[in-house]
């Protein structure tokens, strides 16, 4: 139960920080087209279907969960084992990535990301605090090493995405004491 609450809080923090949830694309303020150096689709979604195991460290207590990714041409569906009635769907469009959330098979929010971005660009199509803050050739967190990683920061909370893999780490707070890390 505590694990579900913590993971739900993480998702809410990410969505609130990125200006998502409402699905009202009429509030678009950032241009959706960009010739950015980094293709966010390649970093934020896995290249092939798989199941990843994540370790969540919160208040010095570790727990694990699995997320299963089903990948087709321009669509990735994610289901985590802690919330099997909830689905996250990533769809690649010509100039954006639409992220949809479903709960019990019904729509439960949406937001859009630019397809490409440069360092210091906003990554959402709506005004937000979410920026592509850096590219890391190698990145180590919680004893795990990753390569070719981008950092996207919403407010002061960073998330890390490896090219061809998707999310590899997320800090839950600015202190870095509560984190989740890909642990395959």
Protein backbone atom coordinates (compact mmCIF):
# COMPACT_ATOMS: atom_id res chain seq x y z
CA UNK A 1 0.00 0.00 0.00
CA UNK A 2 2.74 2.48 0.93
CA UNK A 3 4.58 1.57 -2.27
CA UNK A 4 1.46 2.36 -4.34
CA UNK A 5 1.02 5.71 -2.62
CA UNK A 6 4.67 6.64 -3.16
CA UNK A 7 4.59 5.69 -6.84
CA UNK A 8 1.33 7.55 -7.37
CA UNK A 9 2.88 10.61 -5.74
CA UNK A 10 5.87 10.36 -8.08
CA UNK A 11 3.61 10.27 -11.12
CA UNK A 12 1.59 13.23 -9.87
CA UNK A 13 4.76 15.25 -9.22
CA UNK A 14 5.99 14.60 -12.74
CA UNK A 15 2.68 15.50 -14.33
CA UNK A 16 2.11 18.61 -12.27
CA UNK A 17 5.67 19.77 -12.95
CA UNK A 18 5.25 19.16 -16.66
CA UNK A 19 1.94 20.96 -16.86
CA UNK A 20 0.07 17.78 -17.76
CA UNK A 21 -3.03 16.06 -16.64
CA UNK A 22 -5.79 18.28 -18.01
CA UNK A 23 -5.49 17.46 -21.66
CA UNK A 24 -6.43 21.00 -22.71
CA UNK A 25 -4.12 21.49 -25.65
CA UNK A 26 -5.71 24.88 -26.38
CA UNK A 27 -3.32 26.32 -23.79
CA UNK A 28 -0.32 25.53 -25.96
CA UNK A 29 2.22 28.31 -25.57
CA UNK A 30 5.48 26.73 -26.66
CA UNK A 31 6.01 25.94 -30.34
CA UNK A 32 5.43 22.29 -31.12
CA UNK A 33 7.89 22.10 -33.96
CA UNK A 34 11.58 22.15 -33.32
CA UNK A 35 14.78 21.10 -34.96
CA UNK A 36 16.25 20.08 -31.64
CA UNK A 37 19.39 18.02 -31.40
CA UNK A 38 17.77 15.38 -29.17
CA UNK A 39 14.87 13.24 -30.38
CA UNK A 40 12.87 12.79 -27.17
CA UNK A 41 11.04 9.73 -28.54
CA UNK A 42 14.36 7.87 -28.78
CA UNK A 43 15.17 8.68 -25.14
CA UNK A 44 11.80 8.49 -23.41
CA UNK A 45 10.57 5.21 -24.87
CA UNK A 46 12.21 1.79 -25.22
CA UNK A 47 13.21 0.63 -28.70
CA UNK A 48 11.60 -2.80 -28.22
CA UNK A 49 9.00 -4.53 -26.06
CA UNK A 50 10.31 -5.61 -22.66
CA UNK A 51 9.79 -5.62 -18.93
CA UNK A 52 11.96 -3.42 -16.70
CA UNK A 53 12.46 -3.75 -12.97
CA UNK A 54 12.80 -0.56 -10.92
CA UNK A 55 14.03 -0.17 -7.36
CA UNK A 56 12.34 2.54 -5.36
CA UNK A 57 14.37 3.83 -2.41
CA UNK A 58 12.23 5.89 -0.07
CA UNK A 59 13.11 6.76 3.52
CA UNK A 60 15.94 4.18 3.41
CA UNK A 61 13.49 1.41 2.48
CA UNK A 62 13.83 -0.34 -0.88
CA UNK A 63 11.00 -1.90 -2.86
CA UNK A 64 10.77 -3.06 -6.46
CA UNK A 65 8.18 -3.02 -9.18
CA UNK A 66 8.06 -4.00 -12.84
CA UNK A 67 6.86 -2.02 -15.84
CA UNK A 68 5.99 -3.84 -19.04
CA UNK A 69 6.38 -1.99 -22.34
CA UNK A 70 4.64 -3.06 -25.56
CA UNK A 71 6.25 -1.31 -28.53
CA UNK A 72 4.81 -0.92 -32.03
CA UNK A 73 5.83 1.54 -34.77
CA UNK A 74 4.80 4.85 -33.21
CA UNK A 75 3.15 3.68 -29.99
CA UNK A 76 4.41 2.42 -26.64
CA UNK A 77 2.08 1.09 -23.97
CA UNK A 78 3.33 0.87 -20.37
CA UNK A 79 1.70 -1.05 -17.52
CA UNK A 80 3.28 -1.26 -14.06
CA UNK A 81 2.61 -4.29 -11.89
CA UNK A 82 1.64 -2.11 -8.90
CA UNK A 83 -1.29 -0.61 -10.85
CA UNK A 84 -2.38 -3.05 -13.53
CA UNK A 85 -5.63 -1.18 -14.19
CA UNK A 86 -3.62 1.91 -15.19
CA UNK A 87 -1.96 2.32 -18.58
CA UNK A 88 0.36 4.97 -19.97
CA UNK A 89 0.36 5.30 -23.76
CA UNK A 90 3.05 7.19 -25.68
CA UNK A 91 2.19 8.08 -29.29
CA UNK A 92 4.69 9.59 -31.69
CA UNK A 93 3.29 12.21 -34.05
CA UNK A 94 4.95 14.31 -36.73
CA UNK A 95 6.06 17.00 -34.28
CA UNK A 96 5.11 15.79 -30.79
CA UNK A 97 4.77 12.91 -28.39
CA UNK A 98 1.33 12.57 -26.87
CA UNK A 99 1.26 10.85 -23.48
CA UNK A 100 -2.14 9.49 -22.47
CA UNK A 101 -3.17 7.97 -19.18
CA UNK A 102 -5.97 5.44 -18.78
CA UNK A 103 -7.46 3.97 -15.63
CA UNK A 104 -9.88 1.10 -15.88
CA UNK A 105 -9.85 1.49 -19.67
CA UNK A 106 -11.05 5.12 -19.48
CA UNK A 107 -9.13 8.33 -20.27
CA UNK A 108 -7.45 9.80 -17.20
CA UNK A 109 -5.39 12.74 -18.54
CA UNK A 110 -2.99 13.63 -21.30
CA UNK A 111 -0.09 15.91 -22.10
CA UNK A 112 2.17 16.53 -25.07
CA UNK A 113 5.93 16.74 -25.42
CA UNK A 114 7.92 18.23 -28.24
CA UNK A 115 9.42 15.56 -30.47
CA UNK A 116 12.86 17.16 -30.39
CA UNK A 117 14.64 19.60 -28.07
CA UNK A 118 17.97 21.23 -27.38
CA UNK A 119 19.62 21.70 -23.99
CA UNK A 120 17.66 24.28 -21.94
CA UNK A 121 14.52 23.98 -24.14
CA UNK A 122 11.10 23.40 -22.62
CA UNK A 123 10.07 19.84 -23.51
CA UNK A 124 6.30 20.23 -23.15
CA UNK A 125 4.05 21.91 -25.69
CA UNK A 126 2.28 23.75 -22.86
CA UNK A 127 4.03 26.25 -20.63
CA UNK A 128 5.78 24.34 -17.84
CA UNK A 129 8.98 24.12 -15.83
CA UNK A 130 10.12 20.96 -17.63
CA UNK A 131 13.37 21.49 -19.50
CA UNK A 132 15.98 19.33 -21.16
CA UNK A 133 18.81 20.30 -18.82
CA UNK A 134 21.72 18.17 -19.97
CA UNK A 135 23.07 15.23 -21.94
CA UNK A 136 25.37 12.80 -20.14
CA UNK A 137 27.67 10.39 -21.98
CA UNK A 138 27.73 8.27 -18.81
CA UNK A 139 25.60 8.60 -15.71
CA UNK A 140 25.83 6.75 -12.38
CA UNK A 141 23.13 6.73 -9.72
CA UNK A 142 22.60 4.33 -6.82
CA UNK A 143 25.52 2.21 -8.04
CA UNK A 144 24.04 1.72 -11.52
CA UNK A 145 25.76 3.09 -14.62
CA UNK A 146 23.97 4.21 -17.76
CA UNK A 147 25.18 5.70 -21.05
CA UNK A 148 23.80 8.26 -23.52
CA UNK A 149 21.34 9.77 -21.03
CA UNK A 150 19.36 13.01 -21.06
CA UNK A 151 18.21 14.79 -17.93
CA UNK A 152 14.80 16.45 -17.92
CA UNK A 153 14.14 18.62 -14.90
CA UNK A 154 10.66 19.73 -13.82
CA UNK A 155 10.99 22.40 -11.17
CA UNK A 156 14.05 21.15 -9.34
CA UNK A 157 13.33 17.42 -9.69
CA UNK A 158 15.29 15.59 -12.41
CA UNK A 159 14.42 12.49 -14.40
CA UNK A 160 16.91 10.52 -16.51
CA UNK A 161 16.25 8.78 -19.84
CA UNK A 162 18.64 6.53 -21.75
CA UNK A 163 18.49 6.36 -25.52
CA UNK A 164 16.71 3.18 -26.64
CA UNK A 165 15.76 2.27 -23.04
CA UNK A 166 13.49 5.02 -21.70
CA UNK A 167 13.38 6.10 -18.07
CA UNK A 168 16.35 4.89 -16.02
CA UNK A 169 16.05 7.06 -12.89
CA UNK A 170 13.87 9.65 -11.24
CA UNK A 171 14.57 11.65 -8.10
CA UNK A 172 11.43 12.17 -6.04
CA UNK A 173 12.75 15.21 -4.23
CA UNK A 174 15.46 17.82 -4.57
CA UNK A 175 17.60 16.18 -1.85
CA UNK A 176 17.95 12.98 -3.89
CA UNK A 177 17.17 10.82 -0.85
CA UNK A 178 14.12 9.26 -2.49
CA UNK A 179 14.83 7.83 -5.93
CA UNK A 180 13.75 5.13 -8.33
CA UNK A 181 16.32 3.47 -10.57
CA UNK A 182 16.18 0.90 -13.34
CA UNK A 183 17.67 -2.23 -11.80
CA UNK A 184 17.41 -4.89 -14.54
